[in-house]
Amino acid sequence: MDTDKNVDSDGFSLGSDSDADDPPTAAVGSGGDAGDSGGASRPRPPMPKLGLGGIGNSGAAAATPLTARKPPGLGLSLGGGGDAPASRSAEPSPPDAANPSGAIPRMSLSEHRPVGLNLGALRDRAKEDVDEDKSELQIRREKFAHFEKHCTEIVPGVYVSGEGVAKNRATLDEHGITHVINCVGFVIPNYFEPDLAYKTMWLQDTPDEDMSPVLYDCFDFIEEATVERGGRVLVHCSQGVSRSCSVVISYLMWRDGGSYEDTFAAVKEKRGIANPNMGFTCQMLQWAKRIGTEADRAPPHRLYRVAPHNEHDPTYLVAKPCTSCDTSQLDARGAYVVATSARKAFAWVGTSLIDEEFRTVAERFARQLYRYDGLGPADSRVVTVSGGDEPAEVLEALGARAGDGEGGGWEGAAGARRESLDDEFAMYQRGTRSEIAANSGAAIPPPEWARALTKAGGAGLGAAGNPSLSKGWSLKEPATSGSIQSSSQSPGSLTSGNLA
């Protein structure tokens, strides 16, 4: 056996006739086949030689060196030590300027190691992201905590807050509040009635809540309090975020003639958590668009029906828009408002009116259309007509045909009845609040500590400006009729919008 093997630089054998890997040319050992006579060994045929280049005879040397017959792919580098061969053939690449010999580049793991993932850095980055989220959440909480106790003056005489201010008599007195709009009457009591004048709304903070029927009543209340009486109005809901801000934004849009975007931005600057829900926002945008569009051209005929606002207070009547302006919407038991394209408002009263309050509300809403809706001059006269005695202008707006009677009005007025409204009229006549409104909020007397802080509460406590009330008095420890808890610290006088 030849011990001096010829090997290439990669350790592959170049082969030799006496290489230990070559198969023997004759059988080794004694004995032979059982069928052989005389036990003489017989040479076997040469075994084929296995090589990387294929199968060949033992005596035939490979025409191509083994280094040129390496399996394809061994020359690829993980780190880009050289471009991969254009062909996957085992034949060597043709010589070029970068590789004169045409040899397949060798793979070197030591020089071209794959870049590993820095899991520690990823964990640190994830932790930083969590910390940032927590910081934003903490800022939001701090902002709400600040405005929870903040009576925000939006414009002179008009304030917005949540329940925390609405039940703090010291804060109300400090800001000179004389009138209060409670937007959540089914939850929050009118704490200091009758010392303060209250208007109670029953609004849910949901996108499908229609606040338009109560807006003009709120406008009347604010105008009377601030302009006619020189008082100050607080509009509050639970947190002073959506419902109360929507009422104030709508009022300022009408008063100042600004767009929703500009008015909302001004309110947001003062009260950083102001954020009307999507439903209220759409209603304000549609209202502003309708008024702006109808200012330049004749508006379409519109019909409104006087009805209970909702089941929480069925005796509070408002005007709700009808789906169409025609006689199919009329019911002789109720009252309606007809707004014509000639910019006139008529109060239509049925012949079987169940309560005069329906007539009163219809006439009031007709006046509000002139003042707030841009229907016509604010001092325009409202005309009240009875069913069956409508003038031609009302008949045209309703698409009704004049009758042959003496009045010449709609011939079907006396028998007009909509069965779908039976439950609504019955609810008004019963006057029973919903279960939630009947057992909480404005429907029940204020708590004892609140009554103790009103003029009518006895014990001579709680009148507006009473020196026995310190500015720092807090409702975290409610006062009783016999004593009032005071705090040595006054509430912070942070300016509005600090955290906006």
Protein backbone atom coordinates (compact mmCIF):
# COMPACT_ATOMS: atom_id res chain seq x y z
CA MET A 1 0.00 0.00 0.00
CA ASP A 2 1.32 3.37 -0.96
CA THR A 3 1.47 5.66 2.03
CA ASP A 4 2.24 8.76 0.00
CA LYS A 5 -1.26 9.65 -1.15
CA ASN A 6 -1.79 12.49 -3.51
CA VAL A 7 -4.40 14.82 -2.05
CA ASP A 8 -5.52 18.26 -3.03
CA SER A 9 -5.70 21.28 -0.75
CA ASP A 10 -9.20 20.30 0.38
CA GLY A 11 -8.17 16.84 1.45
CA PHE A 12 -9.73 15.02 -1.49
CA SER A 13 -7.68 12.08 -2.75
CA LEU A 14 -6.38 12.33 -6.28
CA GLY A 15 -6.25 8.52 -6.44
CA SER A 16 -3.51 5.96 -7.35
CA ASP A 17 -3.36 2.37 -8.50
CA SER A 18 -2.24 1.27 -5.06
CA ASP A 19 -4.62 3.45 -3.08
CA ALA A 20 -6.05 1.67 -0.08
CA ASP A 21 -9.49 2.63 -1.29
CA ASP A 22 -9.04 0.68 -4.51
CA PRO A 23 -10.72 -2.74 -4.55
CA PRO A 24 -8.38 -5.78 -4.68
CA THR A 25 -7.81 -7.46 -7.98
CA ALA A 26 -8.02 -10.92 -6.48
CA ALA A 27 -9.79 -12.65 -3.65
CA VAL A 28 -7.95 -12.68 -0.36
CA GLY A 29 -7.79 -15.59 2.02
CA SER A 30 -7.77 -19.39 1.74
CA GLY A 31 -10.48 -21.49 0.40
CA GLY A 32 -12.83 -20.78 -2.37
CA ASP A 33 -16.21 -21.68 -3.61
CA ALA A 34 -17.51 -25.02 -2.53
CA GLY A 35 -17.84 -25.98 -6.12
CA ASP A 36 -14.23 -25.22 -7.00
CA SER A 37 -12.06 -28.25 -7.47
CA GLY A 38 -8.74 -28.44 -5.83
CA GLY A 39 -9.41 -25.41 -3.63
CA ALA A 40 -7.46 -23.19 -6.00
CA SER A 41 -8.45 -19.57 -5.88
CA ARG A 42 -9.78 -18.04 -9.02
CA PRO A 43 -9.35 -14.36 -9.78
CA ARG A 44 -12.58 -12.40 -9.69
CA PRO A 45 -13.54 -9.80 -12.25
CA PRO A 46 -12.50 -6.28 -11.33
CA MET A 47 -15.04 -4.32 -9.30
CA PRO A 48 -16.20 -0.98 -10.65
CA LYS A 49 -14.53 1.97 -9.01
CA LEU A 50 -16.79 4.48 -7.22
CA GLY A 51 -15.79 8.09 -7.39
CA LEU A 52 -17.34 11.49 -7.08
CA GLY A 53 -17.35 11.78 -10.81
CA GLY A 54 -19.43 8.64 -11.37
CA ILE A 55 -18.84 4.91 -11.90
CA GLY A 56 -15.80 3.79 -13.86
CA ASN A 57 -13.62 0.76 -14.34
CA SER A 58 -10.90 0.13 -11.86
CA GLY A 59 -8.24 0.41 -14.42
CA ALA A 60 -9.51 3.57 -15.99
CA ALA A 61 -8.37 6.73 -14.33
CA ALA A 62 -10.85 9.57 -14.21
CA ALA A 63 -10.25 12.07 -16.93
CA THR A 64 -11.14 14.99 -14.69
CA PRO A 65 -9.46 15.60 -11.31
CA LEU A 66 -11.64 15.05 -8.28
CA THR A 67 -11.32 18.67 -7.29
CA ALA A 68 -13.27 19.55 -10.41
CA ARG A 69 -15.95 17.04 -9.52
CA LYS A 70 -16.92 18.35 -6.08
CA PRO A 71 -20.62 18.31 -5.35
CA PRO A 72 -22.25 21.56 -6.42
CA GLY A 73 -22.88 24.09 -3.71
CA LEU A 74 -19.76 23.54 -1.64
CA GLY A 75 -18.34 26.77 -2.91
CA LEU A 76 -21.31 28.92 -1.78
CA SER A 77 -20.61 31.33 1.03
CA LEU A 78 -23.19 32.33 3.67
CA GLY A 79 -21.70 35.73 4.07
CA GLY A 80 -21.25 36.70 0.47
CA GLY A 81 -17.63 35.62 0.01
CA GLY A 82 -18.34 35.34 -3.69
CA ASP A 83 -21.24 35.27 -6.05
CA ALA A 84 -22.94 31.94 -6.48
CA PRO A 85 -22.14 30.17 -9.74
CA ALA A 86 -24.56 30.94 -12.51
CA SER A 87 -24.94 27.23 -13.17
CA ARG A 88 -25.48 24.41 -10.73
CA SER A 89 -23.32 22.10 -12.83
CA ALA A 90 -20.35 20.40 -11.23
CA GLU A 91 -18.12 21.73 -13.99
CA PRO A 92 -15.82 24.58 -13.01
CA SER A 93 -16.78 28.13 -13.84
CA PRO A 94 -14.99 29.75 -16.74
CA PRO A 95 -12.10 32.01 -15.77
CA ASP A 96 -12.82 35.67 -15.31
CA ALA A 97 -11.04 38.72 -13.93
CA ALA A 98 -12.06 38.02 -10.34
CA ASN A 99 -11.43 34.27 -10.56
CA PRO A 100 -8.66 33.57 -13.12
CA SER A 101 -8.49 29.85 -12.40
CA GLY A 102 -12.22 29.29 -12.76
CA ALA A 103 -12.25 27.28 -9.53
CA ILE A 104 -15.40 27.22 -7.44
CA PRO A 105 -14.99 29.54 -4.42
CA ARG A 106 -14.56 27.78 -1.13
CA MET A 107 -16.97 28.16 1.78
CA SER A 108 -15.51 29.70 4.90
CA LEU A 109 -17.79 29.69 7.94
CA SER A 110 -15.22 31.49 10.04
CA GLU A 111 -15.16 34.51 7.76
CA HIS A 112 -18.87 34.64 6.90
CA ARG A 113 -20.92 33.93 9.97
CA PRO A 114 -24.65 34.70 9.82
CA VAL A 115 -25.72 37.71 11.84
CA GLY A 116 -27.59 36.59 14.98
CA LEU A 117 -30.71 38.23 16.50
CA ASN A 118 -30.09 40.37 19.55
CA LEU A 119 -32.97 39.09 21.66
CA GLY A 120 -31.94 41.21 24.60
CA ALA A 121 -32.24 44.37 22.53
CA LEU A 122 -35.66 43.28 21.30
CA ARG A 123 -36.84 42.70 24.85
CA ASP A 124 -35.55 46.12 25.90
CA ARG A 125 -37.33 47.78 22.99
CA ALA A 126 -40.59 46.00 23.81
CA LYS A 127 -40.27 47.16 27.40
CA GLU A 128 -39.74 50.74 26.23
CA ASP A 129 -42.89 50.53 24.09
CA VAL A 130 -44.89 49.30 27.07
CA ASP A 131 -43.48 52.12 29.19
CA GLU A 132 -44.48 54.66 26.53
CA ASP A 133 -48.03 53.26 26.43
CA LYS A 134 -48.24 53.43 30.19
CA SER A 135 -47.02 57.00 30.12
CA GLU A 136 -49.72 58.01 27.63
CA LEU A 137 -52.35 56.25 29.70
CA GLN A 138 -51.07 57.92 32.83
CA ILE A 139 -51.23 61.32 31.15
CA ARG A 140 -54.80 60.63 30.10
CA ARG A 141 -55.74 59.63 33.63
CA GLU A 142 -54.14 62.72 35.07
CA LYS A 143 -55.99 64.89 32.58
CA PHE A 144 -59.34 63.36 33.52
CA ALA A 145 -58.49 63.64 37.21
CA HIS A 146 -57.77 67.33 36.76
CA PHE A 147 -60.93 68.17 34.83
CA GLU A 148 -63.06 66.03 37.13
CA LYS A 149 -62.86 68.85 39.68
CA HIS A 150 -62.54 71.69 37.19
CA CYS A 151 -65.39 74.08 36.41
CA THR A 152 -64.31 75.15 32.93
CA GLU A 153 -65.41 78.54 31.65
CA ILE A 154 -65.84 78.17 27.89
CA VAL A 155 -67.09 81.70 27.25
CA PRO A 156 -68.12 84.34 29.77
CA GLY A 157 -71.16 83.04 31.61
CA VAL A 158 -71.09 79.49 30.20
CA TYR A 159 -69.29 76.65 32.01
CA VAL A 160 -68.83 72.91 31.48
CA SER A 161 -68.08 70.22 34.05
CA GLY A 162 -68.74 66.70 35.21
CA GLU A 163 -70.60 65.46 38.26
CA GLY A 164 -67.70 66.25 40.58
CA VAL A 165 -68.34 69.98 40.18
CA ALA A 166 -72.12 69.68 39.93
CA LYS A 167 -72.31 68.34 43.49
CA ASN A 168 -69.72 70.66 45.03
CA ARG A 169 -71.59 73.68 46.33
CA ALA A 170 -68.42 75.56 47.22
CA THR A 171 -67.13 75.35 43.65
CA LEU A 172 -70.48 76.42 42.22
CA ASP A 173 -70.60 79.42 44.54
CA GLU A 174 -66.99 80.29 43.76
CA HIS A 175 -67.85 80.61 40.05
CA GLY A 176 -71.17 82.32 40.65
CA ILE A 177 -73.28 79.60 39.01
CA THR A 178 -76.98 80.46 39.01
CA HIS A 179 -78.39 78.04 36.39
CA VAL A 180 -77.59 74.40 35.66
CA ILE A 181 -78.35 72.14 32.69
CA ASN A 182 -78.24 68.55 33.89
CA CYS A 183 -77.76 66.38 30.79
CA VAL A 184 -78.04 63.09 32.68
CA GLY A 185 -81.19 63.43 34.74
CA PHE A 186 -81.66 59.69 35.08
CA VAL A 187 -78.33 59.39 36.94
CA ILE A 188 -77.41 62.67 38.64
CA PRO A 189 -79.80 64.53 40.97
CA ASN A 190 -80.45 68.25 40.82
CA TYR A 191 -78.41 68.63 43.98
CA PHE A 192 -79.12 72.23 44.93
CA GLU A 193 -82.63 72.85 43.74
CA PRO A 194 -84.39 75.25 44.34
CA ASP A 195 -81.44 77.53 45.12
CA LEU A 196 -80.22 77.06 41.56
CA ALA A 197 -82.44 76.96 38.48
CA TYR A 198 -82.21 73.55 36.80
CA LYS A 199 -83.10 72.25 33.37
CA THR A 200 -83.01 68.49 33.17
CA MET A 201 -82.15 66.54 30.03
CA TRP A 202 -82.27 62.78 29.53
CA LEU A 203 -79.46 62.10 27.09
CA GLN A 204 -77.62 58.84 26.59
CA ASP A 205 -73.99 59.08 25.49
CA THR A 206 -74.48 56.80 22.50
CA PRO A 207 -74.13 57.48 18.75
CA ASP A 208 -77.82 56.73 18.11
CA GLU A 209 -79.07 59.29 20.66
CA ASP A 210 -80.78 62.22 18.90
CA MET A 211 -80.02 65.40 20.81
CA SER A 212 -81.49 67.76 18.20
CA PRO A 213 -85.01 67.86 19.76
CA VAL A 214 -83.65 69.33 23.01
CA LEU A 215 -81.02 71.71 21.63
CA TYR A 216 -83.29 74.70 21.13
CA ASP A 217 -84.72 74.32 24.64
CA CYS A 218 -81.15 74.44 25.95
CA PHE A 219 -80.45 77.53 23.85
CA ASP A 220 -83.50 79.24 25.36
CA PHE A 221 -82.33 78.34 28.86
CA ILE A 222 -78.79 79.64 28.31
CA GLU A 223 -79.97 82.84 26.65
CA GLU A 224 -82.45 83.57 29.42
CA ALA A 225 -79.88 82.91 32.14
CA THR A 226 -76.98 84.87 30.66
CA VAL A 227 -78.51 87.60 28.52
CA GLU A 228 -81.81 88.34 30.22
CA ARG A 229 -80.86 87.65 33.85
CA GLY A 230 -77.12 88.22 33.83
CA GLY A 231 -76.47 84.85 35.45
CA ARG A 232 -74.01 82.05 34.80
CA VAL A 233 -74.86 78.62 33.42
CA LEU A 234 -73.18 75.31 34.15
CA VAL A 235 -73.80 72.56 31.58
CA HIS A 236 -72.75 69.22 33.03
CA CYS A 237 -72.95 65.51 32.32
CA SER A 238 -71.13 62.66 34.04
CA GLN A 239 -67.58 63.66 33.08
CA GLY A 240 -67.93 66.82 31.03
CA VAL A 241 -66.66 65.12 27.88
CA SER A 242 -69.40 64.41 25.34
CA ARG A 243 -72.98 65.42 26.14
CA SER A 244 -72.36 68.71 27.92
CA CYS A 245 -69.68 69.75 25.43
CA SER A 246 -72.01 68.95 22.52
CA VAL A 247 -74.70 71.25 23.92
CA VAL A 248 -72.22 74.10 24.41
CA ILE A 249 -70.58 73.62 21.00
CA SER A 250 -73.99 73.72 19.31
CA TYR A 251 -74.96 76.85 21.21
CA LEU A 252 -71.74 78.65 20.27
CA MET A 253 -72.08 77.60 16.63
CA TRP A 254 -75.46 79.34 16.57
CA ARG A 255 -74.41 82.36 18.62
CA ASP A 256 -71.13 83.09 16.85
CA GLY A 257 -71.88 81.61 13.43
CA GLY A 258 -68.72 79.51 13.43
CA SER A 259 -68.11 76.13 11.88
CA TYR A 260 -68.11 72.94 13.89
CA GLU A 261 -64.37 72.48 13.44
CA ASP A 262 -63.46 75.96 14.70
CA THR A 263 -65.94 75.88 17.57
CA PHE A 264 -64.86 72.45 18.72
CA ALA A 265 -61.21 73.53 18.64
CA ALA A 266 -62.02 76.57 20.80
CA VAL A 267 -63.87 74.43 23.35
CA LYS A 268 -61.11 71.81 23.29
CA GLU A 269 -58.54 74.49 24.05
CA LYS A 270 -60.42 75.38 27.22
CA ARG A 271 -61.43 71.87 28.26
CA GLY A 272 -58.83 69.40 27.10
CA ILE A 273 -61.04 66.31 27.47
CA ALA A 274 -63.91 67.65 25.33
CA ASN A 275 -64.83 64.90 22.87
CA PRO A 276 -68.42 64.59 21.53
CA ASN A 277 -69.29 61.09 20.40
CA MET A 278 -69.57 60.33 16.70
CA GLY A 279 -73.36 60.53 16.65
CA PHE A 280 -73.46 63.99 18.23
CA THR A 281 -70.70 65.18 15.90
CA CYS A 282 -72.62 64.06 12.80
CA GLN A 283 -75.80 65.74 14.04
CA MET A 284 -74.02 69.05 14.57
CA LEU A 285 -72.37 68.86 11.15
CA GLN A 286 -75.68 68.08 9.44
CA TRP A 287 -77.45 70.85 11.32
CA ALA A 288 -74.80 73.41 10.33
CA LYS A 289 -74.88 72.23 6.72
CA ARG A 290 -78.66 72.43 6.52
CA ILE A 291 -78.82 75.93 7.95
CA GLY A 292 -76.00 77.11 5.70
CA THR A 293 -77.57 75.59 2.59
CA GLU A 294 -81.07 76.88 3.27
CA ALA A 295 -79.79 80.39 3.88
CA ASP A 296 -79.19 80.82 0.14
CA ARG A 297 -82.27 79.10 -1.26
CA ALA A 298 -85.81 78.16 -0.36
CA PRO A 299 -85.86 75.29 2.14
CA PRO A 300 -88.07 72.24 1.58
CA HIS A 301 -91.30 71.77 3.49
CA ARG A 302 -90.71 70.17 6.89
CA LEU A 303 -93.05 68.64 9.48
CA TYR A 304 -92.38 68.15 13.20
CA ARG A 305 -94.44 66.14 15.69
CA VAL A 306 -94.76 67.07 19.38
CA ALA A 307 -94.02 63.98 21.47
CA PRO A 308 -92.40 62.87 24.75
CA HIS A 309 -88.63 63.09 24.55
CA ASN A 310 -88.21 59.57 25.93
CA GLU A 311 -89.51 57.15 28.53
CA HIS A 312 -87.32 58.59 31.29
CA ASP A 313 -89.56 61.67 31.53
CA PRO A 314 -92.67 61.14 29.37
CA THR A 315 -94.15 64.50 30.35
CA TYR A 316 -91.24 66.43 28.82
CA LEU A 317 -92.49 67.21 25.31
CA VAL A 318 -90.25 68.11 22.38
CA ALA A 319 -90.68 68.49 18.63
CA LYS A 320 -89.31 65.57 16.62
CA PRO A 321 -88.86 65.65 12.83
CA CYS A 322 -91.25 63.47 10.82
CA THR A 323 -90.04 61.24 8.03
CA SER A 324 -92.21 63.07 5.48
CA CYS A 325 -94.30 66.20 5.25
CA ASP A 326 -97.79 64.96 4.40
CA THR A 327 -101.11 64.15 6.02
CA SER A 328 -100.13 60.51 6.64
CA GLN A 329 -98.07 61.75 9.61
CA LEU A 330 -100.91 63.64 11.32
CA ASP A 331 -102.91 62.49 14.33
CA ALA A 332 -105.87 64.47 15.66
CA ARG A 333 -104.80 63.77 19.26
CA GLY A 334 -101.56 65.70 18.95
CA ALA A 335 -99.93 68.88 17.70
CA TYR A 336 -97.45 69.50 14.87
CA VAL A 337 -95.29 72.25 13.40
CA VAL A 338 -95.31 72.88 9.65
CA ALA A 339 -92.32 74.80 8.26
CA THR A 340 -92.99 75.84 4.66
CA SER A 341 -90.60 76.65 1.84
CA ALA A 342 -91.83 80.24 2.12
CA ARG A 343 -90.03 80.37 5.51
CA LYS A 344 -93.16 80.41 7.62
CA ALA A 345 -93.94 78.24 10.64
CA PHE A 346 -97.43 77.06 11.56
CA ALA A 347 -98.54 75.22 14.68
CA TRP A 348 -101.11 72.59 13.65
CA VAL A 349 -103.44 71.44 16.44
CA GLY A 350 -105.61 68.33 16.13
CA THR A 351 -109.32 68.36 16.81
CA SER A 352 -108.98 65.71 19.57
CA LEU A 353 -105.99 67.22 21.40
CA ILE A 354 -105.33 65.22 24.59
CA ASP A 355 -103.56 68.04 26.47
CA GLU A 356 -103.00 71.76 25.94
CA GLU A 357 -99.29 71.25 26.66
CA PHE A 358 -98.97 69.88 23.12
CA ARG A 359 -100.20 73.19 21.71
CA THR A 360 -97.83 75.17 23.95
CA VAL A 361 -94.80 73.14 22.88
CA ALA A 362 -95.73 73.37 19.19
CA GLU A 363 -96.00 77.16 19.35
CA ARG A 364 -92.73 77.44 21.27
CA PHE A 365 -90.87 75.27 18.78
CA ALA A 366 -92.24 77.30 15.86
CA ARG A 367 -90.72 80.41 17.45
CA GLN A 368 -87.43 78.54 17.95
CA LEU A 369 -87.32 77.72 14.25
CA TYR A 370 -87.35 81.42 13.48
CA ARG A 371 -84.71 82.26 16.06
CA TYR A 372 -82.26 79.36 15.89
CA ASP A 373 -82.95 77.53 12.64
CA GLY A 374 -82.72 80.47 10.28
CA LEU A 375 -86.27 79.97 9.05
CA GLY A 376 -86.99 83.69 9.09
CA PRO A 377 -86.70 86.83 11.23
CA ALA A 378 -86.56 85.98 14.92
CA ASP A 379 -89.59 88.16 15.66
CA SER A 380 -91.79 86.51 13.04
CA ARG A 381 -95.30 85.71 14.18
CA VAL A 382 -96.32 82.09 14.69
CA VAL A 383 -99.70 81.15 13.25
CA THR A 384 -101.70 78.43 14.99
CA VAL A 385 -104.23 76.54 12.88
CA SER A 386 -106.75 73.88 13.79
CA GLY A 387 -107.21 70.64 11.92
CA GLY A 388 -109.77 71.09 9.15
CA ASP A 389 -109.22 74.85 9.08
CA GLU A 390 -105.81 75.04 7.40
CA PRO A 391 -104.95 77.88 5.02
CA ALA A 392 -103.94 77.12 1.46
CA GLU A 393 -100.22 77.46 2.26
CA VAL A 394 -100.40 74.72 4.89
CA LEU A 395 -102.50 72.49 2.64
CA GLU A 396 -99.92 72.84 -0.10
CA ALA A 397 -97.08 71.95 2.26
CA LEU A 398 -98.99 68.87 3.47
CA GLY A 399 -100.09 67.85 0.01
CA ALA A 400 -103.70 67.88 1.25
CA ARG A 401 -106.86 68.58 -0.66
CA ALA A 402 -109.19 71.28 0.58
CA GLY A 403 -112.57 70.12 1.81
CA ASP A 404 -115.99 71.35 0.90
CA GLY A 405 -116.80 72.53 4.41
CA GLU A 406 -117.05 76.05 5.70
CA GLY A 407 -113.42 76.17 6.81
CA GLY A 408 -112.11 74.90 3.51
CA GLY A 409 -109.34 72.93 5.25
CA TRP A 410 -108.24 69.31 5.09
CA GLU A 411 -111.28 67.12 4.98
CA GLY A 412 -109.63 64.23 6.82
CA ALA A 413 -108.43 66.21 9.83
CA ALA A 414 -111.15 65.11 12.25
CA GLY A 415 -110.58 61.41 11.72
CA ALA A 416 -106.77 61.47 11.51
CA ARG A 417 -105.35 58.76 13.73
CA ARG A 418 -102.15 56.71 13.72
CA GLU A 419 -102.32 53.49 15.68
CA SER A 420 -98.53 53.40 15.95
CA LEU A 421 -98.74 56.42 18.28
CA ASP A 422 -101.23 54.88 20.73
CA ASP A 423 -98.53 53.73 23.15
CA GLU A 424 -96.83 57.11 23.04
CA PHE A 425 -99.97 59.02 23.95
CA ALA A 426 -100.74 56.49 26.69
CA MET A 427 -97.22 56.90 28.11
CA TYR A 428 -97.68 60.66 28.29
CA GLN A 429 -101.04 60.36 30.02
CA ARG A 430 -99.68 57.92 32.61
CA GLY A 431 -96.66 60.13 33.25
CA THR A 432 -94.70 57.20 34.67
CA ARG A 433 -90.95 57.42 34.38
CA SER A 434 -88.75 54.52 33.38
CA GLU A 435 -87.53 52.30 36.18
CA ILE A 436 -84.02 53.73 36.10
CA ALA A 437 -85.24 57.34 36.08
CA ALA A 438 -87.89 56.76 38.73
CA ASN A 439 -85.42 55.47 41.31
CA SER A 440 -82.43 57.73 40.80
CA GLY A 441 -81.22 61.03 39.43
CA ALA A 442 -83.41 64.09 39.16
CA ALA A 443 -86.61 62.15 39.85
CA ILE A 444 -85.77 61.69 43.53
CA PRO A 445 -85.07 64.30 46.21
CA PRO A 446 -81.45 65.35 46.60
CA PRO A 447 -79.51 63.61 49.38
CA GLU A 448 -79.68 64.99 52.89
CA TRP A 449 -76.25 66.63 52.78
CA ALA A 450 -77.23 68.50 49.60
CA ARG A 451 -80.50 69.71 51.11
CA ALA A 452 -78.51 70.96 54.08
CA LEU A 453 -76.59 73.22 51.69
CA THR A 454 -79.68 74.91 50.27
CA LYS A 455 -81.76 77.72 51.66
CA ALA A 456 -84.73 75.41 51.94
CA GLY A 457 -82.69 72.70 53.65
CA GLY A 458 -83.02 74.07 57.17
CA ALA A 459 -80.34 74.81 59.76
CA GLY A 460 -79.51 78.05 57.97
CA LEU A 461 -76.75 76.40 55.96
CA GLY A 462 -75.68 76.43 52.39
CA ALA A 463 -77.06 79.65 50.97
CA ALA A 464 -75.02 80.97 48.06
CA GLY A 465 -72.04 82.81 49.45
CA ASN A 466 -72.51 81.42 52.97
CA PRO A 467 -69.23 82.16 54.80
CA SER A 468 -69.49 78.86 56.66
CA LEU A 469 -68.52 77.11 53.44
CA SER A 470 -64.82 77.15 52.73
CA LYS A 471 -63.68 77.01 49.13
CA GLY A 472 -61.98 73.71 49.80
CA TRP A 473 -65.05 71.87 51.02
CA SER A 474 -65.12 68.46 49.37
CA LEU A 475 -67.89 65.96 48.87
CA LYS A 476 -65.55 63.07 49.49
CA GLU A 477 -66.78 63.44 53.07
CA PRO A 478 -70.43 64.45 52.61
CA ALA A 479 -71.75 66.88 55.14
CA THR A 480 -74.80 66.17 57.24
CA SER A 481 -77.48 68.58 58.34
CA GLY A 482 -75.66 69.08 61.61
CA SER A 483 -72.12 69.66 60.45
CA ILE A 484 -70.13 70.56 57.38
CA GLN A 485 -66.71 69.11 56.78
CA SER A 486 -64.16 71.65 55.64
CA SER A 487 -60.72 71.27 54.20
CA SER A 488 -57.78 73.50 54.88
CA GLN A 489 -56.71 73.30 51.26
CA SER A 490 -58.53 75.15 48.55
CA PRO A 491 -58.99 73.53 45.16
CA GLY A 492 -56.28 74.32 42.67
CA SER A 493 -56.91 77.33 40.50
CA LEU A 494 -55.45 75.77 37.38
CA THR A 495 -56.29 77.65 34.23
CA SER A 496 -58.45 75.84 31.74
CA GLY A 497 -56.64 74.05 29.01
CA ASN A 498 -53.44 73.40 30.98
CA LEU A 499 -53.58 69.74 30.06
CA ALA A 500 -55.19 70.15 26.67
